[in-house]
Amino acid sequence: MAAVPASPAPPADPSSLAAALRAAGCVFAEDEARLILATARTADEATAMAQARASGLPLEHVLGWAEFHGLRISVGPGVFVPRRRTEFLVDQALAQAPDARVVVDLCCGSGALGAALAAALDGAEVHAADIDSAAVRCARRNLAPHGGHAHTGDLYAALPAGLRGRIGILTANVPYVPTAEVPLLPAEARDHEPAVALDGGPDGLDVLRRVAAGAAEWLAPGGCLLSETSARQADTALAAFTRAGLAAYVAVSHEWDAHVVIGVR
C-alpha cells in the first residue's frame, strides 16, 4: 500500500507567538513574532524560535541576523550584537572621510561596521580584526560579499603591516562598560554576549586608550579614528585621543543617545 504524503504543517499563529513572547516579558512581542515568522521556514521552527526567545536568548541570535545600517548582518551565539545606535558612528565616519579607500574595523565583533562602510564606500579596501575567533568567523561571512578581510588578534597586532600609515577610516567599537557594571547589564547582553566585548576595565576605557595610543602610526594623513563611548566617559575619552596626537572632538546624537569620539591625524 502506497504511503500517504504527510500534510504540510499548519502555519504558526502570529497571535499565539506574540502572546508567548509577551508573557516572557518581551516588550515588542508583536514585532518580534512578525520577524520570527518571516525568518522561520516551518511552523515548528517558528515555535522553537519563539521558545528560544522566551527563554532569554537575544532576538538577533534567534533570528541569526541583525539589521544594521540597511544591511542584514549575520550574528551567532556568543557574538556581540551590533546596536542600532552605532549606526551614528558609521554616519560620522562617512561624513568625516567620504572618499576613504582603506577602512579598518577594530574590535569588530560581527563586522557590522566594516560591512556598512564597505557598502557605502564602493571599492574600498576593508579589514576587520577581533581577539575573539568566533567573532572573526562571523565577520568573515559579513565582509565576504564586499571583498573584505577579517583577522584574529589583539588590536593592531592582528593587522597586515602593509596597512600602516594608509588607513582612511579606523573604527573601534571598543568594550566600554566599567567592570563593576557588567553584572548590571540586561541579561541578554550579560548572559549571551562575550565578556571581552563588554568589559572595558575599571573605568571602561582601557581598550579605548590602547586604540588611541597606536592610531597615529596606522592612519593616513587626514585619516580618522572613531570610537563609541558613553556621555559620562566622553571627556576622558576625548583627552585620550588628544594625548595620542589626534585633533579630536565628540559628536553626539540625542536621537540615538550616542556619543562618538572622533580623532583626525
Protein backbone atom coordinates (compact mmCIF):
# COMPACT_ATOMS: atom_id res chain seq x y z
CA MET A 1 0.00 0.00 0.00
CA ALA A 2 1.43 3.34 -1.02
CA ALA A 3 2.37 5.74 1.74
CA VAL A 4 0.11 8.73 2.14
CA PRO A 5 2.06 12.00 1.84
CA ALA A 6 2.17 13.92 5.08
CA SER A 7 0.07 17.04 5.20
CA PRO A 8 2.02 20.27 5.46
CA ALA A 9 2.23 21.66 8.96
CA PRO A 10 -0.28 24.43 9.64
CA PRO A 11 1.22 27.90 9.76
CA ALA A 12 2.19 29.20 13.16
CA ASP A 13 -0.36 31.51 14.71
CA PRO A 14 1.08 35.05 15.00
CA SER A 15 -1.13 35.95 17.94
CA SER A 16 -0.11 32.82 19.86
CA LEU A 17 3.58 33.52 19.27
CA ALA A 18 3.15 37.13 20.33
CA ALA A 19 1.26 36.09 23.46
CA ALA A 20 4.02 33.67 24.44
CA LEU A 21 6.67 36.33 23.91
CA ARG A 22 4.67 38.94 25.82
CA ALA A 23 4.24 36.54 28.74
CA ALA A 24 8.03 36.12 28.79
CA GLY A 25 8.47 39.88 29.13
CA CYS A 26 9.28 40.82 25.53
CA VAL A 27 8.19 44.45 25.21
CA PHE A 28 7.89 44.37 21.41
CA ALA A 29 6.25 40.95 21.25
CA GLU A 30 4.18 41.58 18.12
CA ASP A 31 7.16 42.91 16.16
CA GLU A 32 9.35 40.03 17.30
CA ALA A 33 6.70 37.48 16.37
CA ARG A 34 6.48 39.01 12.90
CA LEU A 35 10.26 38.77 12.43
CA ILE A 36 10.34 35.19 13.65
CA LEU A 37 7.57 34.20 11.25
CA ALA A 38 9.32 35.96 8.38
CA THR A 39 12.57 34.09 9.14
CA ALA A 40 11.35 30.60 10.05
CA ARG A 41 10.99 28.02 7.31
CA THR A 42 8.29 25.97 9.05
CA ALA A 43 5.67 26.40 11.74
CA ASP A 44 7.64 24.08 14.05
CA GLU A 45 10.77 26.16 13.54
CA ALA A 46 8.85 29.35 14.32
CA THR A 47 7.56 27.81 17.55
CA ALA A 48 11.05 26.67 18.54
CA MET A 49 12.46 30.12 17.78
CA ALA A 50 9.77 31.77 19.90
CA GLN A 51 10.55 29.39 22.76
CA ALA A 52 14.26 30.22 22.49
CA ARG A 53 13.46 33.92 22.58
CA ALA A 54 11.12 33.47 25.55
CA SER A 55 13.95 31.70 27.40
CA GLY A 56 16.03 34.88 27.16
CA LEU A 57 18.13 34.36 24.03
CA PRO A 58 18.65 37.70 22.21
CA LEU A 59 16.25 38.10 19.30
CA GLU A 60 19.14 38.56 16.88
CA HIS A 61 20.68 35.25 17.94
CA VAL A 62 17.29 33.59 17.50
CA LEU A 63 16.89 35.02 14.00
CA GLY A 64 20.55 34.59 13.03
CA TRP A 65 20.80 38.19 11.85
CA ALA A 66 20.54 41.81 12.92
CA GLU A 67 19.52 44.84 10.91
CA PHE A 68 22.29 47.44 10.79
CA HIS A 69 22.64 50.49 8.54
CA GLY A 70 20.36 48.98 5.89
CA LEU A 71 22.13 45.61 5.89
CA ARG A 72 21.20 42.21 7.28
CA ILE A 73 24.21 41.29 9.42
CA SER A 74 24.75 37.64 10.30
CA VAL A 75 25.19 37.01 14.03
CA GLY A 76 25.56 33.84 16.02
CA PRO A 77 25.77 32.52 19.57
CA GLY A 78 28.46 34.22 21.59
CA VAL A 79 28.90 37.09 19.13
CA PHE A 80 28.24 40.71 20.12
CA VAL A 81 25.04 42.02 18.53
CA PRO A 82 25.50 45.38 16.75
CA ARG A 83 23.41 48.13 18.33
CA ARG A 84 21.33 50.43 16.18
CA ARG A 85 22.80 53.50 17.90
CA THR A 86 26.19 52.56 16.43
CA GLU A 87 24.81 53.47 13.01
CA PHE A 88 25.56 57.03 14.14
CA LEU A 89 29.27 56.14 14.25
CA VAL A 90 29.09 54.88 10.66
CA ASP A 91 27.38 58.08 9.53
CA GLN A 92 30.03 60.18 11.27
CA ALA A 93 32.81 58.19 9.60
CA LEU A 94 31.30 58.72 6.16
CA ALA A 95 30.83 62.44 6.83
CA GLN A 96 34.43 62.82 8.02
CA ALA A 97 36.08 60.75 5.26
CA PRO A 98 33.65 60.29 2.35
CA ASP A 99 36.45 59.32 -0.04
CA ALA A 100 38.31 56.87 2.21
CA ARG A 101 39.84 53.98 0.27
CA VAL A 102 41.15 51.93 3.20
CA VAL A 103 38.90 51.05 6.15
CA VAL A 104 39.76 49.11 9.31
CA ASP A 105 37.24 47.94 11.91
CA LEU A 106 38.97 47.03 15.20
CA CYS A 107 37.09 45.13 17.93
CA CYS A 108 34.89 44.21 15.00
CA GLY A 109 32.52 41.68 16.56
CA SER A 110 30.22 40.64 13.72
CA GLY A 111 31.98 43.02 11.33
CA ALA A 112 28.86 45.20 11.07
CA LEU A 113 30.76 48.50 10.92
CA GLY A 114 33.18 47.25 8.30
CA ALA A 115 30.36 45.83 6.19
CA ALA A 116 28.32 49.04 6.42
CA LEU A 117 31.30 51.17 5.41
CA ALA A 118 32.21 48.77 2.61
CA ALA A 119 28.68 49.01 1.25
CA ALA A 120 28.80 52.81 1.32
CA LEU A 121 32.37 53.19 0.02
CA ASP A 122 32.21 51.14 -3.15
CA GLY A 123 35.57 49.56 -3.88
CA ALA A 124 37.25 50.45 -0.59
CA GLU A 125 39.77 48.01 0.88
CA VAL A 126 38.23 46.82 4.15
CA HIS A 127 39.82 44.92 7.02
CA ALA A 128 38.39 43.90 10.39
CA ALA A 129 40.01 42.41 13.48
CA ASP A 130 38.93 40.94 16.79
CA ILE A 131 40.59 38.94 19.54
CA ASP A 132 37.60 36.56 19.63
CA SER A 133 37.81 33.84 16.98
CA ALA A 134 34.00 33.30 16.95
CA ALA A 135 33.53 36.99 16.14
CA VAL A 136 36.12 36.80 13.35
CA ARG A 137 34.36 33.84 11.75
CA CYS A 138 31.12 35.81 11.80
CA ALA A 139 32.83 38.94 10.44
CA ARG A 140 34.28 36.96 7.54
CA ARG A 141 30.76 35.94 6.50
CA ASN A 142 29.54 39.53 6.64
CA LEU A 143 32.54 41.00 4.83
CA ALA A 144 32.78 38.37 2.11
CA PRO A 145 30.17 40.00 -0.18
CA HIS A 146 32.26 43.18 -0.08
CA GLY A 147 35.64 41.55 -0.62
CA GLY A 148 36.69 42.41 2.94
CA HIS A 149 39.13 40.57 5.19
CA ALA A 150 38.89 39.63 8.87
CA HIS A 151 41.87 38.88 11.11
CA THR A 152 42.23 37.32 14.56
CA GLY A 153 44.40 39.07 17.12
CA ASP A 154 44.82 41.84 19.64
CA LEU A 155 44.06 45.25 18.08
CA TYR A 156 46.81 46.45 15.71
CA ALA A 157 48.84 43.26 16.12
CA ALA A 158 46.19 41.48 14.04
CA LEU A 159 46.54 43.79 11.03
CA PRO A 160 48.73 43.29 7.94
CA ALA A 161 51.81 45.51 8.24
CA GLY A 162 51.09 46.99 4.82
CA LEU A 163 48.14 48.93 6.27
CA ARG A 164 50.40 51.07 8.45
CA GLY A 165 50.02 54.75 7.51
CA ARG A 166 47.31 54.03 4.91
CA ILE A 167 44.03 53.86 6.85
CA GLY A 168 41.45 56.49 5.97
CA ILE A 169 38.75 55.34 8.41
CA LEU A 170 39.60 53.43 11.58
CA THR A 171 36.58 52.39 13.65
CA ALA A 172 36.90 50.82 17.08
CA ASN A 173 33.64 49.98 18.80
CA VAL A 174 35.59 49.01 21.90
CA PRO A 175 34.14 47.43 25.06
CA TYR A 176 33.40 50.39 27.32
CA VAL A 177 31.33 49.08 30.23
CA PRO A 178 33.21 49.51 33.55
CA THR A 179 33.99 46.11 35.05
CA ALA A 180 31.84 46.69 38.15
CA GLU A 181 28.82 47.49 35.97
CA VAL A 182 28.92 44.40 33.74
CA PRO A 183 26.72 42.41 36.20
CA LEU A 184 24.13 45.20 35.94
CA LEU A 185 23.69 44.84 32.18
CA PRO A 186 20.48 43.35 30.77
CA ALA A 187 20.55 39.55 30.83
CA GLU A 188 20.54 39.40 27.02
CA ALA A 189 23.97 41.03 26.96
CA ARG A 190 25.35 39.74 30.25
CA ASP A 191 24.49 36.09 29.66
CA HIS A 192 24.76 35.75 25.89
CA GLU A 193 27.49 38.11 24.66
CA PRO A 194 31.21 37.61 25.34
CA ALA A 195 32.66 39.48 28.31
CA VAL A 196 35.59 40.56 26.14
CA ALA A 197 33.13 42.60 24.04
CA LEU A 198 31.61 44.32 27.07
CA ASP A 199 34.17 44.77 29.85
CA GLY A 200 36.30 47.87 29.35
CA GLY A 201 38.23 47.74 32.63
CA PRO A 202 37.85 49.77 35.84
CA ASP A 203 36.58 52.94 34.15
CA GLY A 204 35.52 51.30 30.89
CA LEU A 205 38.23 52.97 28.81
CA ASP A 206 41.21 50.59 28.97
CA VAL A 207 40.85 49.37 25.37
CA LEU A 208 39.96 52.81 24.04
CA ARG A 209 43.23 54.21 25.44
CA ARG A 210 45.23 51.46 23.74
CA VAL A 211 43.49 52.06 20.42
CA ALA A 212 44.03 55.82 20.63
CA ALA A 213 47.71 55.45 21.57
CA GLY A 214 48.51 53.44 18.44
CA ALA A 215 46.26 55.19 15.93
CA ALA A 216 48.56 57.88 14.56
CA GLU A 217 51.06 55.47 13.04
CA TRP A 218 48.32 53.49 11.27
CA LEU A 219 46.21 56.38 9.99
CA ALA A 220 46.91 58.06 6.68
CA PRO A 221 47.37 61.85 6.82
CA GLY A 222 43.86 63.19 7.36
CA GLY A 223 42.62 59.73 8.36
CA CYS A 224 40.21 59.45 11.27
CA LEU A 225 39.64 57.22 14.28
CA LEU A 226 36.10 56.86 15.65
CA SER A 227 35.07 55.16 18.87
CA GLU A 228 31.76 54.99 20.70
CA THR A 229 31.55 55.82 24.39
CA SER A 230 29.03 56.96 26.99
CA ALA A 231 28.12 60.53 27.91
CA ARG A 232 29.94 60.38 31.24
CA GLN A 233 33.10 58.90 29.66
CA ALA A 234 33.24 61.27 26.68
CA ASP A 235 35.54 63.90 28.22
CA THR A 236 38.04 61.31 29.45
CA ALA A 237 37.97 59.52 26.09
CA LEU A 238 38.49 62.84 24.30
CA ALA A 239 41.56 63.54 26.43
CA ALA A 240 42.99 60.13 25.48
CA PHE A 241 42.61 60.95 21.79
CA THR A 242 44.24 64.34 22.28
CA ARG A 243 47.19 62.83 24.20
CA ALA A 244 47.70 60.49 21.27
CA GLY A 245 48.31 63.48 19.00
CA LEU A 246 44.93 63.49 17.24
CA ALA A 247 42.77 66.53 16.59
CA ALA A 248 39.70 65.30 18.44
CA TYR A 249 36.08 66.17 19.14
CA VAL A 250 32.90 64.46 20.30
CA ALA A 251 29.84 64.02 18.08
CA VAL A 252 26.51 63.49 19.85
CA SER A 253 23.17 62.13 18.66
CA HIS A 254 20.36 62.87 21.10
CA GLU A 255 18.01 60.76 18.99
CA TRP A 256 20.13 57.62 19.50
CA ASP A 257 21.72 58.66 22.82
CA ALA A 258 25.04 58.04 21.08
CA HIS A 259 28.45 59.64 21.75
CA VAL A 260 31.29 59.15 19.29
CA VAL A 261 34.82 60.42 19.84
CA ILE A 262 36.49 61.34 16.55
CA GLY A 263 40.21 61.93 16.15
CA VAL A 264 41.94 63.06 12.96
CA ARG A 265 45.60 62.64 12.13
